[in-house]
N, C-alpha and C. Protein backbone atom coordinates (compact mmCIF):
# COMPACT_ATOMS: atom_id res chain seq x y z
N MET A 1 10.30 2.39 -20.42
CA MET A 1 9.28 1.83 -19.51
C MET A 1 7.92 2.44 -19.85
N LEU A 2 6.95 1.58 -20.17
CA LEU A 2 5.59 2.05 -20.46
C LEU A 2 4.85 2.20 -19.14
N LYS A 3 4.37 3.41 -18.87
CA LYS A 3 3.63 3.65 -17.64
C LYS A 3 2.13 3.56 -17.92
N ILE A 4 1.44 2.76 -17.13
CA ILE A 4 0.00 2.58 -17.30
C ILE A 4 -0.68 2.97 -15.99
N ILE A 5 -1.74 3.77 -16.10
CA ILE A 5 -2.50 4.16 -14.91
C ILE A 5 -3.42 3.00 -14.53
N LEU A 6 -3.29 2.53 -13.29
CA LEU A 6 -4.09 1.40 -12.81
C LEU A 6 -5.24 1.92 -11.96
N GLY A 7 -6.44 1.53 -12.32
CA GLY A 7 -7.63 2.02 -11.62
C GLY A 7 -7.81 1.37 -10.27
N THR A 8 -6.99 1.81 -9.31
CA THR A 8 -7.08 1.28 -7.95
C THR A 8 -6.43 2.27 -6.99
N GLN A 9 -6.76 2.13 -5.72
CA GLN A 9 -6.02 2.85 -4.68
C GLN A 9 -5.46 1.84 -3.67
N ASN A 10 -5.34 0.60 -4.12
CA ASN A 10 -4.84 -0.49 -3.30
C ASN A 10 -3.34 -0.67 -3.59
N GLU A 11 -2.50 -0.26 -2.64
CA GLU A 11 -1.05 -0.34 -2.87
C GLU A 11 -0.56 -1.77 -3.00
N HIS A 12 -1.21 -2.71 -2.27
CA HIS A 12 -0.85 -4.14 -2.40
C HIS A 12 -0.98 -4.58 -3.85
N LYS A 13 -2.07 -4.16 -4.48
CA LYS A 13 -2.36 -4.58 -5.85
C LYS A 13 -1.32 -3.99 -6.82
N ILE A 14 -0.99 -2.72 -6.62
CA ILE A 14 0.04 -2.06 -7.46
C ILE A 14 1.36 -2.83 -7.36
N CYS A 15 1.79 -3.12 -6.13
CA CYS A 15 3.07 -3.83 -5.91
C CYS A 15 3.04 -5.21 -6.56
N GLU A 16 1.93 -5.92 -6.34
CA GLU A 16 1.78 -7.29 -6.88
C GLU A 16 1.87 -7.28 -8.40
N MET A 17 1.17 -6.33 -9.02
CA MET A 17 1.14 -6.29 -10.48
C MET A 17 2.46 -5.78 -11.07
N ASN A 18 3.12 -4.87 -10.36
CA ASN A 18 4.42 -4.38 -10.85
C ASN A 18 5.50 -5.46 -10.81
N LEU A 19 5.39 -6.39 -9.86
CA LEU A 19 6.33 -7.52 -9.82
C LEU A 19 6.24 -8.35 -11.10
N ILE A 20 5.01 -8.53 -11.57
CA ILE A 20 4.78 -9.33 -12.78
C ILE A 20 5.16 -8.55 -14.04
N SER A 21 4.87 -7.24 -14.04
CA SER A 21 4.99 -6.46 -15.28
C SER A 21 6.40 -5.93 -15.56
N LYS A 22 7.25 -5.86 -14.53
CA LYS A 22 8.57 -5.24 -14.70
C LYS A 22 9.38 -5.85 -15.83
N PRO A 23 9.45 -7.20 -15.94
CA PRO A 23 10.24 -7.78 -17.04
C PRO A 23 9.74 -7.39 -18.43
N TYR A 24 8.48 -6.97 -18.51
CA TYR A 24 7.91 -6.57 -19.80
C TYR A 24 8.16 -5.09 -20.11
N GLY A 25 8.77 -4.37 -19.17
CA GLY A 25 8.98 -2.93 -19.37
C GLY A 25 7.71 -2.13 -19.15
N VAL A 26 6.85 -2.63 -18.26
CA VAL A 26 5.59 -1.94 -17.96
C VAL A 26 5.55 -1.62 -16.46
N GLU A 27 5.16 -0.39 -16.14
CA GLU A 27 5.03 0.00 -14.74
C GLU A 27 3.65 0.59 -14.50
N PHE A 28 3.00 0.14 -13.43
CA PHE A 28 1.67 0.64 -13.09
C PHE A 28 1.77 1.74 -12.04
N GLN A 29 0.92 2.75 -12.19
CA GLN A 29 0.85 3.84 -11.24
C GLN A 29 -0.60 4.09 -10.86
N MET A 30 -0.79 4.63 -9.65
CA MET A 30 -2.15 4.97 -9.22
C MET A 30 -2.64 6.22 -9.96
N PRO A 31 -3.95 6.38 -10.05
CA PRO A 31 -4.49 7.59 -10.68
C PRO A 31 -4.06 8.85 -9.93
N ASP A 32 -3.86 9.91 -10.69
CA ASP A 32 -3.53 11.22 -10.11
C ASP A 32 -4.83 11.85 -9.61
N THR A 33 -4.94 12.02 -8.30
CA THR A 33 -6.20 12.52 -7.73
C THR A 33 -6.10 13.98 -7.27
N LYS A 34 -5.10 14.70 -7.79
CA LYS A 34 -4.94 16.11 -7.39
C LYS A 34 -6.12 16.97 -7.86
N GLU A 35 -6.58 16.69 -9.10
CA GLU A 35 -7.64 17.53 -9.66
C GLU A 35 -9.00 16.84 -9.66
N LYS A 36 -8.98 15.51 -9.73
CA LYS A 36 -10.25 14.78 -9.76
C LYS A 36 -10.12 13.53 -8.91
N ASP A 37 -11.12 13.30 -8.04
CA ASP A 37 -11.09 12.12 -7.18
C ASP A 37 -11.27 10.85 -7.99
N PHE A 38 -10.58 9.80 -7.57
CA PHE A 38 -10.81 8.48 -8.15
C PHE A 38 -11.83 7.79 -7.26
N ASN A 39 -13.08 7.78 -7.71
CA ASN A 39 -14.15 7.26 -6.86
C ASN A 39 -15.19 6.54 -7.71
N PRO A 40 -14.80 5.40 -8.33
CA PRO A 40 -15.73 4.72 -9.23
C PRO A 40 -16.92 4.12 -8.49
N ASP A 41 -18.08 4.19 -9.12
CA ASP A 41 -19.29 3.57 -8.57
C ASP A 41 -19.40 2.18 -9.19
N GLU A 42 -18.97 1.17 -8.44
CA GLU A 42 -18.91 -0.19 -8.99
C GLU A 42 -20.30 -0.82 -8.99
N ASN A 43 -21.12 -0.39 -9.94
CA ASN A 43 -22.50 -0.86 -9.98
C ASN A 43 -22.75 -1.81 -11.16
N GLY A 44 -21.67 -2.35 -11.73
CA GLY A 44 -21.83 -3.31 -12.82
C GLY A 44 -22.39 -4.63 -12.31
N GLU A 45 -22.87 -5.44 -13.24
CA GLU A 45 -23.44 -6.74 -12.87
C GLU A 45 -22.48 -7.89 -13.10
N THR A 46 -21.30 -7.58 -13.65
CA THR A 46 -20.27 -8.61 -13.88
C THR A 46 -18.92 -8.03 -13.48
N PHE A 47 -17.94 -8.92 -13.31
CA PHE A 47 -16.58 -8.48 -13.03
C PHE A 47 -16.07 -7.58 -14.16
N GLU A 48 -16.37 -7.98 -15.40
CA GLU A 48 -15.87 -7.21 -16.55
C GLU A 48 -16.45 -5.79 -16.58
N GLU A 49 -17.74 -5.67 -16.27
CA GLU A 49 -18.35 -4.33 -16.25
C GLU A 49 -17.71 -3.47 -15.17
N ASN A 50 -17.45 -4.04 -14.00
CA ASN A 50 -16.83 -3.27 -12.93
C ASN A 50 -15.39 -2.89 -13.25
N ALA A 51 -14.67 -3.79 -13.94
CA ALA A 51 -13.31 -3.48 -14.36
C ALA A 51 -13.32 -2.29 -15.32
N TYR A 52 -14.29 -2.28 -16.24
CA TYR A 52 -14.41 -1.15 -17.17
C TYR A 52 -14.72 0.14 -16.42
N ILE A 53 -15.64 0.08 -15.45
CA ILE A 53 -16.01 1.27 -14.68
C ILE A 53 -14.78 1.86 -13.99
N LYS A 54 -13.94 0.99 -13.40
CA LYS A 54 -12.74 1.47 -12.70
C LYS A 54 -11.70 2.00 -13.68
N ALA A 55 -11.54 1.33 -14.82
CA ALA A 55 -10.59 1.81 -15.84
C ALA A 55 -11.02 3.18 -16.35
N HIS A 56 -12.34 3.33 -16.56
CA HIS A 56 -12.85 4.61 -17.07
C HIS A 56 -12.70 5.72 -16.03
N ALA A 57 -12.88 5.37 -14.76
CA ALA A 57 -12.68 6.36 -13.68
C ALA A 57 -11.22 6.82 -13.66
N ALA A 58 -10.28 5.88 -13.89
CA ALA A 58 -8.87 6.24 -13.96
C ALA A 58 -8.62 7.15 -15.17
N TYR A 59 -9.26 6.82 -16.29
CA TYR A 59 -9.14 7.63 -17.51
C TYR A 59 -9.62 9.07 -17.26
N THR A 60 -10.70 9.24 -16.51
CA THR A 60 -11.20 10.60 -16.26
C THR A 60 -10.25 11.39 -15.36
N CYS A 61 -9.41 10.69 -14.58
CA CYS A 61 -8.38 11.40 -13.79
C CYS A 61 -7.24 11.87 -14.70
N GLY A 62 -7.08 11.19 -15.85
CA GLY A 62 -6.09 11.61 -16.83
C GLY A 62 -4.66 11.27 -16.45
N GLY A 63 -3.73 11.81 -17.23
CA GLY A 63 -2.31 11.70 -16.92
C GLY A 63 -1.59 10.51 -17.52
N GLY A 64 -2.27 9.74 -18.36
CA GLY A 64 -1.61 8.56 -18.92
C GLY A 64 -1.94 8.33 -20.37
N GLU A 65 -1.24 7.35 -20.94
CA GLU A 65 -1.47 6.96 -22.32
C GLU A 65 -2.41 5.76 -22.37
N LEU A 66 -2.30 4.91 -21.33
CA LEU A 66 -3.15 3.73 -21.23
C LEU A 66 -3.70 3.63 -19.80
N TYR A 67 -4.87 3.03 -19.69
CA TYR A 67 -5.54 2.89 -18.39
C TYR A 67 -6.03 1.45 -18.25
N LEU A 68 -5.72 0.84 -17.12
CA LEU A 68 -6.08 -0.56 -16.90
C LEU A 68 -6.76 -0.68 -15.55
N ALA A 69 -7.73 -1.57 -15.45
CA ALA A 69 -8.30 -1.88 -14.14
C ALA A 69 -8.71 -3.34 -14.12
N ASP A 70 -8.74 -3.88 -12.91
CA ASP A 70 -9.20 -5.25 -12.75
C ASP A 70 -10.40 -5.25 -11.82
N ASP A 71 -11.23 -6.22 -11.99
CA ASP A 71 -12.22 -6.51 -10.95
C ASP A 71 -12.13 -8.00 -10.72
N SER A 72 -12.05 -8.36 -9.48
CA SER A 72 -11.92 -9.77 -9.18
C SER A 72 -12.69 -10.09 -7.92
N GLY A 73 -12.90 -11.35 -7.71
CA GLY A 73 -13.64 -11.75 -6.53
C GLY A 73 -13.59 -13.24 -6.32
N LEU A 74 -14.15 -13.63 -5.19
CA LEU A 74 -14.18 -15.02 -4.79
C LEU A 74 -15.57 -15.59 -5.03
N CYS A 75 -15.64 -16.70 -5.73
CA CYS A 75 -16.92 -17.35 -6.04
C CYS A 75 -16.92 -18.73 -5.38
N VAL A 76 -17.81 -18.91 -4.43
CA VAL A 76 -17.85 -20.14 -3.63
C VAL A 76 -19.02 -21.02 -4.07
N ASP A 77 -18.71 -22.26 -4.43
CA ASP A 77 -19.75 -23.18 -4.92
C ASP A 77 -20.88 -23.35 -3.90
N TYR A 78 -20.50 -23.56 -2.64
CA TYR A 78 -21.47 -23.80 -1.56
C TYR A 78 -22.45 -22.63 -1.41
N LEU A 79 -22.00 -21.44 -1.82
CA LEU A 79 -22.83 -20.23 -1.69
C LEU A 79 -23.39 -19.79 -3.05
N ASP A 80 -23.46 -20.74 -3.99
CA ASP A 80 -23.99 -20.46 -5.35
C ASP A 80 -23.26 -19.30 -6.02
N GLY A 81 -21.95 -19.24 -5.83
CA GLY A 81 -21.14 -18.22 -6.51
C GLY A 81 -20.90 -16.96 -5.71
N ALA A 82 -21.56 -16.81 -4.56
CA ALA A 82 -21.31 -15.65 -3.69
C ALA A 82 -19.93 -15.83 -3.02
N PRO A 83 -19.31 -14.75 -2.55
CA PRO A 83 -19.74 -13.35 -2.65
C PRO A 83 -19.59 -12.74 -4.04
N GLY A 84 -18.83 -13.37 -4.95
CA GLY A 84 -18.77 -12.91 -6.34
C GLY A 84 -18.39 -11.45 -6.49
N ILE A 85 -19.19 -10.71 -7.27
CA ILE A 85 -18.82 -9.30 -7.52
C ILE A 85 -18.96 -8.44 -6.28
N LYS A 86 -19.56 -9.00 -5.23
CA LYS A 86 -19.67 -8.24 -3.97
C LYS A 86 -18.57 -8.63 -2.98
N SER A 87 -17.53 -9.32 -3.46
CA SER A 87 -16.47 -9.82 -2.57
C SER A 87 -15.89 -8.74 -1.67
N ALA A 88 -15.60 -7.57 -2.25
CA ALA A 88 -14.97 -6.49 -1.47
C ALA A 88 -15.96 -5.80 -0.54
N ARG A 89 -17.25 -6.04 -0.77
CA ARG A 89 -18.28 -5.37 0.04
C ARG A 89 -19.07 -6.37 0.89
N TYR A 90 -18.52 -7.57 1.06
CA TYR A 90 -19.19 -8.65 1.77
C TYR A 90 -19.35 -8.32 3.26
N ALA A 91 -18.40 -7.57 3.80
CA ALA A 91 -18.47 -7.04 5.17
C ALA A 91 -17.55 -5.82 5.20
N ASP A 92 -17.49 -5.14 6.35
CA ASP A 92 -16.83 -3.83 6.36
C ASP A 92 -15.31 -3.86 6.39
N THR A 93 -14.68 -4.96 6.83
CA THR A 93 -13.21 -5.06 6.80
C THR A 93 -12.81 -6.43 6.27
N ALA A 94 -11.54 -6.56 5.88
CA ALA A 94 -11.05 -7.84 5.37
C ALA A 94 -11.22 -8.94 6.43
N GLU A 95 -10.93 -8.59 7.67
CA GLU A 95 -11.06 -9.55 8.77
C GLU A 95 -12.51 -10.02 8.93
N HIS A 96 -13.44 -9.06 8.87
CA HIS A 96 -14.86 -9.40 9.01
C HIS A 96 -15.37 -10.20 7.81
N ARG A 97 -14.83 -9.92 6.64
CA ARG A 97 -15.25 -10.68 5.45
C ARG A 97 -14.88 -12.15 5.61
N ILE A 98 -13.67 -12.39 6.09
CA ILE A 98 -13.22 -13.77 6.30
C ILE A 98 -14.06 -14.44 7.39
N GLU A 99 -14.29 -13.74 8.49
CA GLU A 99 -15.10 -14.30 9.59
C GLU A 99 -16.50 -14.66 9.11
N LYS A 100 -17.10 -13.76 8.33
CA LYS A 100 -18.45 -14.02 7.82
C LYS A 100 -18.46 -15.24 6.89
N LEU A 101 -17.46 -15.32 6.02
CA LEU A 101 -17.38 -16.44 5.08
C LEU A 101 -17.25 -17.76 5.83
N LEU A 102 -16.33 -17.82 6.79
CA LEU A 102 -16.14 -19.07 7.54
C LEU A 102 -17.40 -19.43 8.33
N ASP A 103 -18.09 -18.42 8.83
CA ASP A 103 -19.30 -18.67 9.61
C ASP A 103 -20.42 -19.25 8.73
N VAL A 104 -20.64 -18.65 7.55
CA VAL A 104 -21.75 -19.14 6.70
C VAL A 104 -21.43 -20.51 6.09
N MET A 105 -20.14 -20.91 6.15
CA MET A 105 -19.75 -22.21 5.59
C MET A 105 -19.53 -23.27 6.66
N LYS A 106 -19.90 -22.99 7.90
CA LYS A 106 -19.57 -23.93 8.98
C LYS A 106 -20.24 -25.30 8.82
N ASP A 107 -21.32 -25.38 8.04
CA ASP A 107 -21.98 -26.67 7.84
C ASP A 107 -21.39 -27.46 6.67
N ALA A 108 -20.47 -26.84 5.93
CA ALA A 108 -19.76 -27.56 4.86
C ALA A 108 -18.55 -28.24 5.50
N LYS A 109 -18.70 -29.52 5.83
CA LYS A 109 -17.74 -30.19 6.71
C LYS A 109 -16.53 -30.76 5.98
N THR A 110 -16.61 -30.93 4.66
CA THR A 110 -15.48 -31.50 3.92
C THR A 110 -14.96 -30.50 2.90
N LEU A 111 -13.68 -30.64 2.56
CA LEU A 111 -13.11 -29.74 1.55
C LEU A 111 -13.84 -29.89 0.22
N HIS A 112 -14.32 -31.12 -0.05
CA HIS A 112 -15.05 -31.37 -1.30
C HIS A 112 -16.28 -30.45 -1.42
N GLU A 113 -16.89 -30.14 -0.29
CA GLU A 113 -18.07 -29.25 -0.29
C GLU A 113 -17.67 -27.77 -0.36
N ARG A 114 -16.38 -27.49 -0.24
CA ARG A 114 -15.92 -26.11 -0.08
C ARG A 114 -15.20 -25.59 -1.32
N GLY A 115 -15.54 -26.16 -2.47
CA GLY A 115 -14.93 -25.73 -3.73
C GLY A 115 -15.20 -24.25 -4.00
N ALA A 116 -14.21 -23.59 -4.61
CA ALA A 116 -14.34 -22.16 -4.90
C ALA A 116 -13.34 -21.78 -5.99
N HIS A 117 -13.51 -20.61 -6.53
CA HIS A 117 -12.49 -20.09 -7.44
C HIS A 117 -12.43 -18.57 -7.32
N PHE A 118 -11.23 -18.05 -7.52
CA PHE A 118 -11.03 -16.63 -7.70
C PHE A 118 -11.11 -16.33 -9.18
N GLU A 119 -11.73 -15.22 -9.52
CA GLU A 119 -11.85 -14.81 -10.92
C GLU A 119 -11.38 -13.37 -11.06
N CYS A 120 -10.64 -13.08 -12.10
CA CYS A 120 -10.16 -11.71 -12.34
C CYS A 120 -10.38 -11.33 -13.80
N HIS A 121 -10.95 -10.15 -14.01
CA HIS A 121 -11.12 -9.60 -15.36
C HIS A 121 -10.37 -8.28 -15.44
N LEU A 122 -9.60 -8.13 -16.52
CA LEU A 122 -8.86 -6.89 -16.76
C LEU A 122 -9.41 -6.21 -18.01
N VAL A 123 -9.52 -4.90 -17.94
CA VAL A 123 -9.95 -4.11 -19.11
C VAL A 123 -8.93 -2.99 -19.32
N LEU A 124 -8.44 -2.88 -20.55
CA LEU A 124 -7.43 -1.88 -20.92
C LEU A 124 -8.05 -0.84 -21.84
N LEU A 125 -7.87 0.44 -21.49
CA LEU A 125 -8.38 1.54 -22.31
C LEU A 125 -7.23 2.34 -22.91
N ASP A 126 -7.49 2.92 -24.09
CA ASP A 126 -6.47 3.78 -24.71
C ASP A 126 -6.63 5.22 -24.22
N LYS A 127 -5.85 6.14 -24.79
CA LYS A 127 -5.83 7.54 -24.32
C LYS A 127 -7.15 8.25 -24.60
N ASP A 128 -8.02 7.65 -25.44
CA ASP A 128 -9.34 8.23 -25.70
C ASP A 128 -10.44 7.54 -24.89
N GLY A 129 -10.05 6.62 -24.01
CA GLY A 129 -11.04 5.94 -23.18
C GLY A 129 -11.74 4.77 -23.88
N GLU A 130 -11.20 4.36 -25.04
CA GLU A 130 -11.79 3.24 -25.78
C GLU A 130 -11.14 1.93 -25.34
N ILE A 131 -11.93 0.84 -25.34
CA ILE A 131 -11.40 -0.47 -24.92
C ILE A 131 -10.43 -1.01 -25.97
N LEU A 132 -9.20 -1.33 -25.50
CA LEU A 132 -8.18 -1.92 -26.36
C LEU A 132 -8.16 -3.44 -26.24
N ASN A 133 -8.31 -3.93 -25.01
CA ASN A 133 -8.22 -5.38 -24.80
C ASN A 133 -8.85 -5.76 -23.47
N ARG A 134 -9.24 -7.04 -23.38
CA ARG A 134 -9.80 -7.59 -22.13
C ARG A 134 -9.18 -8.97 -21.91
N THR A 135 -8.90 -9.31 -20.66
CA THR A 135 -8.42 -10.66 -20.35
C THR A 135 -9.11 -11.16 -19.08
N LYS A 136 -9.01 -12.47 -18.88
CA LYS A 136 -9.65 -13.11 -17.72
C LYS A 136 -8.71 -14.17 -17.17
N GLY A 137 -8.65 -14.26 -15.84
CA GLY A 137 -7.87 -15.31 -15.19
C GLY A 137 -8.69 -15.98 -14.10
N VAL A 138 -8.51 -17.30 -13.93
CA VAL A 138 -9.24 -18.05 -12.91
C VAL A 138 -8.25 -18.89 -12.11
N CYS A 139 -8.44 -18.93 -10.80
CA CYS A 139 -7.64 -19.80 -9.93
C CYS A 139 -8.61 -20.64 -9.10
N LYS A 140 -8.53 -21.97 -9.25
CA LYS A 140 -9.45 -22.87 -8.55
C LYS A 140 -8.86 -23.33 -7.22
N GLY A 141 -9.76 -23.70 -6.30
CA GLY A 141 -9.30 -24.18 -5.01
C GLY A 141 -10.47 -24.50 -4.08
N GLU A 142 -10.19 -24.43 -2.79
CA GLU A 142 -11.22 -24.67 -1.77
C GLU A 142 -11.08 -23.65 -0.65
N ILE A 143 -12.15 -23.50 0.12
CA ILE A 143 -12.11 -22.63 1.30
C ILE A 143 -11.64 -23.43 2.50
N ALA A 144 -10.59 -22.95 3.14
CA ALA A 144 -10.03 -23.62 4.32
C ALA A 144 -11.00 -23.49 5.50
N PHE A 145 -10.73 -24.27 6.54
CA PHE A 145 -11.56 -24.20 7.75
C PHE A 145 -11.08 -23.11 8.70
N GLU A 146 -9.83 -22.65 8.49
CA GLU A 146 -9.28 -21.58 9.32
C GLU A 146 -8.22 -20.84 8.52
N LYS A 147 -7.84 -19.68 9.00
CA LYS A 147 -6.85 -18.87 8.31
C LYS A 147 -5.45 -19.47 8.45
N LYS A 148 -4.69 -19.39 7.36
CA LYS A 148 -3.28 -19.81 7.39
C LYS A 148 -2.48 -18.89 6.48
N GLY A 149 -1.28 -18.49 6.96
CA GLY A 149 -0.39 -17.68 6.14
C GLY A 149 -0.51 -16.19 6.44
N ILE A 150 0.53 -15.45 6.06
CA ILE A 150 0.58 -14.02 6.39
C ILE A 150 0.77 -13.13 5.16
N ASN A 151 0.94 -13.73 3.99
CA ASN A 151 1.13 -12.91 2.78
C ASN A 151 -0.20 -12.57 2.14
N GLY A 152 -0.13 -11.72 1.12
CA GLY A 152 -1.32 -11.40 0.34
C GLY A 152 -2.30 -10.51 1.10
N PHE A 153 -3.53 -10.50 0.62
CA PHE A 153 -4.57 -9.65 1.21
C PHE A 153 -5.92 -10.25 0.89
N GLY A 154 -6.97 -9.64 1.42
CA GLY A 154 -8.32 -10.12 1.13
C GLY A 154 -8.57 -11.52 1.68
N TYR A 155 -9.10 -12.39 0.83
CA TYR A 155 -9.46 -13.76 1.24
C TYR A 155 -8.29 -14.74 1.16
N ASP A 156 -7.10 -14.26 0.82
CA ASP A 156 -5.94 -15.14 0.61
C ASP A 156 -5.70 -16.14 1.76
N PRO A 157 -5.87 -15.74 3.05
CA PRO A 157 -5.56 -16.69 4.13
C PRO A 157 -6.51 -17.89 4.23
N VAL A 158 -7.66 -17.85 3.56
CA VAL A 158 -8.60 -18.98 3.65
C VAL A 158 -8.84 -19.66 2.29
N PHE A 159 -8.06 -19.28 1.28
CA PHE A 159 -8.25 -19.89 -0.05
C PHE A 159 -7.09 -20.86 -0.32
N ILE A 160 -7.41 -22.16 -0.33
CA ILE A 160 -6.41 -23.19 -0.62
C ILE A 160 -6.31 -23.36 -2.13
N VAL A 161 -5.11 -23.12 -2.67
CA VAL A 161 -4.91 -23.19 -4.11
C VAL A 161 -4.89 -24.66 -4.56
N GLU A 162 -5.68 -24.94 -5.61
CA GLU A 162 -5.78 -26.31 -6.14
C GLU A 162 -4.40 -26.89 -6.44
N LYS A 163 -4.18 -28.12 -6.01
CA LYS A 163 -2.95 -28.91 -6.25
C LYS A 163 -1.76 -28.46 -5.42
N LEU A 164 -1.84 -27.33 -4.72
CA LEU A 164 -0.68 -26.87 -3.94
C LEU A 164 -0.80 -27.19 -2.46
N ASN A 165 -2.04 -27.43 -1.98
CA ASN A 165 -2.28 -27.68 -0.55
C ASN A 165 -1.77 -26.57 0.35
N LYS A 166 -1.77 -25.36 -0.16
CA LYS A 166 -1.40 -24.18 0.63
C LYS A 166 -2.43 -23.11 0.37
N THR A 167 -2.65 -22.26 1.37
CA THR A 167 -3.51 -21.10 1.10
C THR A 167 -2.72 -20.09 0.28
N MET A 168 -3.44 -19.19 -0.37
CA MET A 168 -2.80 -18.13 -1.15
C MET A 168 -1.86 -17.31 -0.27
N ALA A 169 -2.21 -17.16 1.02
CA ALA A 169 -1.39 -16.36 1.94
C ALA A 169 -0.13 -17.09 2.40
N GLU A 170 -0.05 -18.39 2.10
CA GLU A 170 1.17 -19.15 2.43
C GLU A 170 2.17 -19.17 1.28
N LEU A 171 1.78 -18.62 0.13
CA LEU A 171 2.66 -18.63 -1.04
C LEU A 171 3.60 -17.43 -1.01
N SER A 172 4.78 -17.61 -1.59
CA SER A 172 5.68 -16.48 -1.80
C SER A 172 5.07 -15.59 -2.89
N ASP A 173 5.57 -14.38 -3.01
CA ASP A 173 5.08 -13.48 -4.07
C ASP A 173 5.22 -14.11 -5.45
N VAL A 174 6.36 -14.78 -5.67
CA VAL A 174 6.61 -15.40 -6.98
C VAL A 174 5.61 -16.52 -7.24
N GLU A 175 5.39 -17.39 -6.22
CA GLU A 175 4.42 -18.49 -6.37
C GLU A 175 3.02 -17.95 -6.62
N LYS A 176 2.65 -16.93 -5.85
CA LYS A 176 1.30 -16.38 -5.99
C LYS A 176 1.09 -15.84 -7.40
N ASN A 177 2.08 -15.12 -7.91
CA ASN A 177 1.92 -14.53 -9.25
C ASN A 177 1.82 -15.60 -10.34
N LEU A 178 2.43 -16.75 -10.09
CA LEU A 178 2.34 -17.86 -11.06
C LEU A 178 0.96 -18.49 -11.08
N HIS A 179 0.33 -18.56 -9.91
CA HIS A 179 -0.91 -19.34 -9.78
C HIS A 179 -2.18 -18.49 -9.67
N SER A 180 -2.04 -17.23 -9.30
CA SER A 180 -3.24 -16.44 -8.99
C SER A 180 -4.03 -16.05 -10.23
N HIS A 181 -5.30 -15.80 -10.00
CA HIS A 181 -6.21 -15.33 -11.04
C HIS A 181 -5.71 -14.02 -11.65
N ARG A 182 -5.23 -13.11 -10.79
CA ARG A 182 -4.75 -11.81 -11.28
C ARG A 182 -3.46 -11.99 -12.08
N GLY A 183 -2.59 -12.89 -11.58
CA GLY A 183 -1.35 -13.17 -12.29
C GLY A 183 -1.61 -13.70 -13.69
N LYS A 184 -2.59 -14.61 -13.81
CA LYS A 184 -2.90 -15.19 -15.12
C LYS A 184 -3.49 -14.15 -16.07
N ALA A 185 -4.45 -13.36 -15.56
CA ALA A 185 -5.08 -12.34 -16.41
C ALA A 185 -4.06 -11.29 -16.83
N LEU A 186 -3.17 -10.91 -15.90
CA LEU A 186 -2.18 -9.88 -16.21
C LEU A 186 -1.13 -10.39 -17.18
N SER A 187 -0.70 -11.64 -17.01
CA SER A 187 0.29 -12.20 -17.94
C SER A 187 -0.25 -12.20 -19.37
N ASP A 188 -1.52 -12.58 -19.52
CA ASP A 188 -2.13 -12.55 -20.86
C ASP A 188 -2.18 -11.13 -21.41
N MET A 189 -2.50 -10.16 -20.53
CA MET A 189 -2.56 -8.76 -20.97
C MET A 189 -1.16 -8.26 -21.37
N LEU A 190 -0.15 -8.63 -20.61
CA LEU A 190 1.22 -8.18 -20.91
C LEU A 190 1.74 -8.77 -22.21
N VAL A 191 1.39 -10.04 -22.46
CA VAL A 191 1.77 -10.67 -23.73
C VAL A 191 1.11 -9.92 -24.89
N TRP A 192 -0.16 -9.57 -24.71
CA TRP A 192 -0.87 -8.81 -25.75
C TRP A 192 -0.20 -7.45 -25.97
N LEU A 193 0.14 -6.77 -24.89
CA LEU A 193 0.81 -5.46 -24.99
C LEU A 193 2.15 -5.59 -25.72
N LYS A 194 2.86 -6.64 -25.39
CA LYS A 194 4.19 -6.85 -26.01
C LYS A 194 4.07 -6.98 -27.52
N HIS A 195 3.03 -7.68 -27.98
CA HIS A 195 2.88 -7.93 -29.42
C HIS A 195 2.15 -6.80 -30.15
N ASN A 196 1.39 -6.01 -29.43
CA ASN A 196 0.54 -5.02 -30.10
C ASN A 196 0.86 -3.57 -29.75
N TYR A 197 1.67 -3.37 -28.72
CA TYR A 197 1.83 -1.99 -28.27
C TYR A 197 3.27 -1.60 -27.97
N LEU A 198 4.00 -2.47 -27.33
CA LEU A 198 5.37 -2.10 -26.91
C LEU A 198 6.34 -2.09 -28.09
């Protein structure tokens, strides 16, 4: 089993990614924060820059052979791509982020006006902190008028996945991993690892 340090402190994300990676013989672990805090300053201007910042922060904590991080967010057409890279900082809690999003979109009366996509960028570093590979995944859909579903996290309850007519939070873990932006980016990364590293 190849253990990779994942630049996050989000247990949901670790569990979600380990479900996808297990068949490949890859297991993700959180950074070891006994000696150094994992506290990346996500000041990049793109998802990819922020993914690198988080991967590098994991690398400075040490303890692994490979370091991976993702940065992802929700890009809403009606809001000219916002909240985008500020998705996690759009408001102070997940609940407030959803409330704010639904409030600023209240004048978008049709689903056609509520187009959006989730975007995920992954950056993989080697034991010297050098970039080994990068991948990107996109999931298209629309913003619902109200929350539906209990699975997932973040904006999942208000994001209707294209062609499925369900929010991300209404999908099973297996369905979500098949369709999600993170699932797509991670699958591409795992295929690359299988051919180049494992």
